[in-house]
C-alpha atoms as a PDB file:
ATOM      1  CA  MET A   1      21.380 142.440-134.060  1.00  0.00           C
ATOM      2  CA  LYS A   2      19.292 145.088-132.394  1.00  0.00           C
ATOM      3  CA  TYR A   3      17.036 147.818-133.693  1.00  0.00           C
ATOM      4  CA  CYS A   4      17.400 151.510-132.967  1.00  0.00           C
ATOM      5  CA  PRO A   5      14.375 152.860-131.041  1.00  0.00           C
ATOM      6  CA  ASN A   6      14.786 156.230-132.761  1.00  0.00           C
ATOM      7  CA  CYS A   7      14.987 155.299-136.476  1.00  0.00           C
ATOM      8  CA  ASN A   8      14.396 151.500-136.502  1.00  0.00           C
ATOM      9  CA  ALA A   9      17.730 150.863-138.248  1.00  0.00           C
ATOM     10  CA  GLU A  10      19.289 147.432-137.741  1.00  0.00           C
ATOM     11  CA  VAL A  11      22.446 147.839-135.632  1.00  0.00           C
ATOM     12  CA  ASP A  12      25.102 145.272-134.752  1.00  0.00           C
ATOM     13  CA  ASP A  13      25.112 144.274-131.075  1.00  0.00           C
ATOM     14  CA  ASN A  14      28.711 145.505-130.702  1.00  0.00           C
ATOM     15  CA  PHE A  15      27.797 149.097-131.564  1.00  0.00           C
ATOM     16  CA  GLU A  16      26.854 151.508-128.780  1.00  0.00           C
ATOM     17  CA  ILE A  17      25.678 154.234-131.174  1.00  0.00           C
ATOM     18  CA  CYS A  18      23.312 153.870-134.141  1.00  0.00           C
ATOM     19  CA  TRP A  19      25.141 154.293-137.449  1.00  0.00           C
ATOM     20  CA  ASN A  20      22.104 155.983-139.009  1.00  0.00           C
ATOM     21  CA  CYS A  21      20.944 158.596-136.493  1.00  0.00           C
ATOM     22  CA  ASN A  22      23.662 158.687-133.761  1.00  0.00           C
ATOM     23  CA  TYR A  23      21.320 157.337-131.079  1.00  0.00           C
ATOM     24  CA  ASP A  24      23.294 156.320-127.971  1.00  0.00           C
ATOM     25  CA  PHE A  25      21.829 153.060-126.639  1.00  0.00           C
ATOM     26  CA  GLU A  26      23.488 153.415-123.237  1.00  0.00           C
ATOM     27  CA  ASN A  27      22.309 156.976-122.469  1.00  0.00           C
ATOM     28  CA  ASN A  28      19.065 156.850-124.502  1.00  0.00           C
ATOM     29  CA  GLU A  29      19.774 160.071-126.367  1.00  0.00           C
ATOM     30  CA  ILE A  30      20.936 161.288-129.773  1.00  0.00           C
ATOM     31  CA  VAL A  31      24.610 162.245-129.749  1.00  0.00           C
ATOM     32  CA  LYS A  32      25.645 165.462-131.485  1.00  0.00           C
ATOM     33  CA  PHE A  33      29.126 165.312-132.976  1.00  0.00           C
ATOM     34  CA  GLU A  34      31.221 168.412-133.535  1.00  0.00           C
ATOM     35  CA  ASP A  35      31.736 169.198-137.210  1.00  0.00           C
ATOM     36  CA  ASN A  36      35.466 169.782-137.704  1.00  0.00           C
ATOM     37  CA  THR A  37      35.059 170.811-141.324  1.00  0.00           C
ATOM     38  CA  VAL A  38      33.545 174.202-140.464  1.00  0.00           C
ATOM     39  CA  ALA A  39      35.836 176.921-141.720  1.00  0.00           C
ATOM     40  CA  LYS A  40      37.696 178.767-139.013  1.00  0.00           C
ATOM     41  CA  LYS A  41      38.473 181.673-141.336  1.00  0.00           C
ATOM     42  CA  ASP A  42      36.919 183.162-144.447  1.00  0.00           C
ATOM     43  CA  ILE A  43      39.615 182.140-146.939  1.00  0.00           C
ATOM     44  CA  ARG A  44      39.044 182.784-150.639  1.00  0.00           C
ATOM     45  CA  CYS A  45      40.972 181.030-153.393  1.00  0.00           C
ATOM     46  CA  LEU A  46      43.493 183.334-155.064  1.00  0.00           C
ATOM     47  CA  ARG A  47      42.852 181.675-158.440  1.00  0.00           C
ATOM     48  CA  CYS A  48      39.071 181.201-158.501  1.00  0.00           C
ATOM     49  CA  ASP A  49      37.882 183.734-155.886  1.00  0.00           C
ATOM     50  CA  VAL A  50      35.579 181.133-154.263  1.00  0.00           C
ATOM     51  CA  GLN A  51      35.267 180.171-150.604  1.00  0.00           C
ATOM     52  CA  MET A  52      37.869 177.557-149.615  1.00  0.00           C
ATOM     53  CA  SER A  53      36.793 174.600-147.460  1.00  0.00           C
ATOM     54  CA  TYR A  54      38.499 173.928-144.140  1.00  0.00           C
ATOM     55  CA  SER A  55      39.969 170.414-144.352  1.00  0.00           C
ATOM     56  CA  GLY A  56      41.213 170.219-140.769  1.00  0.00           C
ATOM     57  CA  ASN A  57      44.357 170.544-138.692  1.00  0.00           C
ATOM     58  CA  TYR A  58      47.128 168.164-139.689  1.00  0.00           C
ATOM     59  CA  ASP A  59      50.367 167.273-137.929  1.00  0.00           C
ATOM     60  CA  PHE A  60      53.440 166.780-140.094  1.00  0.00           C
ATOM     61  CA  HIS A  61      56.553 164.880-139.068  1.00  0.00           C
ATOM     62  CA  GLU A  62      59.913 165.550-140.671  1.00  0.00           C
ATOM     63  CA  GLY A  63      62.697 163.063-140.097  1.00  0.00           C
ATOM     64  CA  THR A  64      63.495 159.387-140.403  1.00  0.00           C
ATOM     65  CA  ASP A  65      62.965 156.319-138.259  1.00  0.00           C
ATOM     66  CA  PHE A  66      66.183 154.425-137.566  1.00  0.00           C
ATOM     67  CA  GLY A  67      64.698 151.102-136.424  1.00  0.00           C
ATOM     68  CA  PHE A  68      66.068 150.167-133.008  1.00  0.00           C
ATOM     69  CA  PHE A  69      67.149 153.760-132.258  1.00  0.00           C
ATOM     70  CA  GLY A  70      63.928 155.222-133.700  1.00  0.00           C
ATOM     71  CA  ASN A  71      62.520 156.431-130.395  1.00  0.00           C
ATOM     72  CA  PHE A  72      65.807 158.104-129.463  1.00  0.00           C
ATOM     73  CA  PHE A  73      66.067 159.899-132.804  1.00  0.00           C
ATOM     74  CA  GLU A  74      62.468 161.149-132.416  1.00  0.00           C
ATOM     75  CA  LEU A  75      64.025 163.836-130.208  1.00  0.00           C
ATOM     76  CA  PHE A  76      65.742 165.296-133.276  1.00  0.00           C
ATOM     77  CA  THR A  77      62.750 165.408-135.623  1.00  0.00           C
ATOM     78  CA  ASN A  78      60.780 168.478-136.586  1.00  0.00           C
ATOM     79  CA  ARG A  79      57.016 168.477-136.041  1.00  0.00           C
ATOM     80  CA  GLU A  80      54.655 171.132-137.364  1.00  0.00           C
ATOM     81  CA  SER A  81      50.904 171.561-137.274  1.00  0.00           C
ATOM     82  CA  PHE A  82      48.919 173.373-139.990  1.00  0.00           C
ATOM     83  CA  ASP A  83      45.311 174.294-140.731  1.00  0.00           C
ATOM     84  CA  ILE A  84      44.608 173.229-144.313  1.00  0.00           C
ATOM     85  CA  TYR A  85      42.116 174.885-146.668  1.00  0.00           C
ATOM     86  CA  VAL A  86      41.133 173.403-150.059  1.00  0.00           C
ATOM     87  CA  CYS A  87      39.523 175.010-153.098  1.00  0.00           C
ATOM     88  CA  ASN A  88      36.749 172.698-154.315  1.00  0.00           C
ATOM     89  CA  LYS A  89      36.836 174.285-157.764  1.00  0.00           C
ATOM     90  CA  CYS A  90      40.525 174.176-158.818  1.00  0.00           C
ATOM     91  CA  GLY A  91      42.068 171.950-156.124  1.00  0.00           C
ATOM     92  CA  LYS A  92      44.424 174.578-154.715  1.00  0.00           C
ATOM     93  CA  VAL A  93      45.602 173.824-151.161  1.00  0.00           C
ATOM     94  CA  GLU A  94      46.747 176.421-148.643  1.00  0.00           C
ATOM     95  CA  PHE A  95      48.516 175.834-145.326  1.00  0.00           C
ATOM     96  CA  PHE A  96      48.164 178.180-142.360  1.00  0.00           C
ATOM     97  CA  ILE A  97      49.789 178.151-138.947  1.00  0.00           C
ATOM     98  CA  PRO A  98      47.083 177.639-136.285  1.00  0.00           C
ATOM     99  CA  GLU A  99      46.097 180.818-134.444  1.00  0.00           C
ATOM    100  CA  SER A 100      47.213 179.287-131.141  1.00  0.00           C
ATOM    101  CA  LYS A 101      50.835 179.258-132.424  1.00  0.00           C
ATOM    102  CA  ILE A 102      50.837 182.769-133.912  1.00  0.00           C
ATOM    103  CA  ASN A 103      50.952 184.658-130.617  1.00  0.00           C
END
């Protein structure tokens, strides 16, 4: 075990970044991670009229896996990607095509 020089948290020797404050032991700096939950659009729930939370971009796969021929049949499957927004009040979920695919 080692101790983080930034927050004094006990960190396993296998970790390169502190679990508590994101201190990078190799580069001696605090790492800033991008927050993917920031809403890309101002989407309001049609039921509750509250701001919906951006849940992320999800890839969906439509089709079956046929065992030995699974990789071959992957050519015939349909894949779609959607931005998903969730209402934290009523649980409503809305799917949107990413802006990069609209144009």
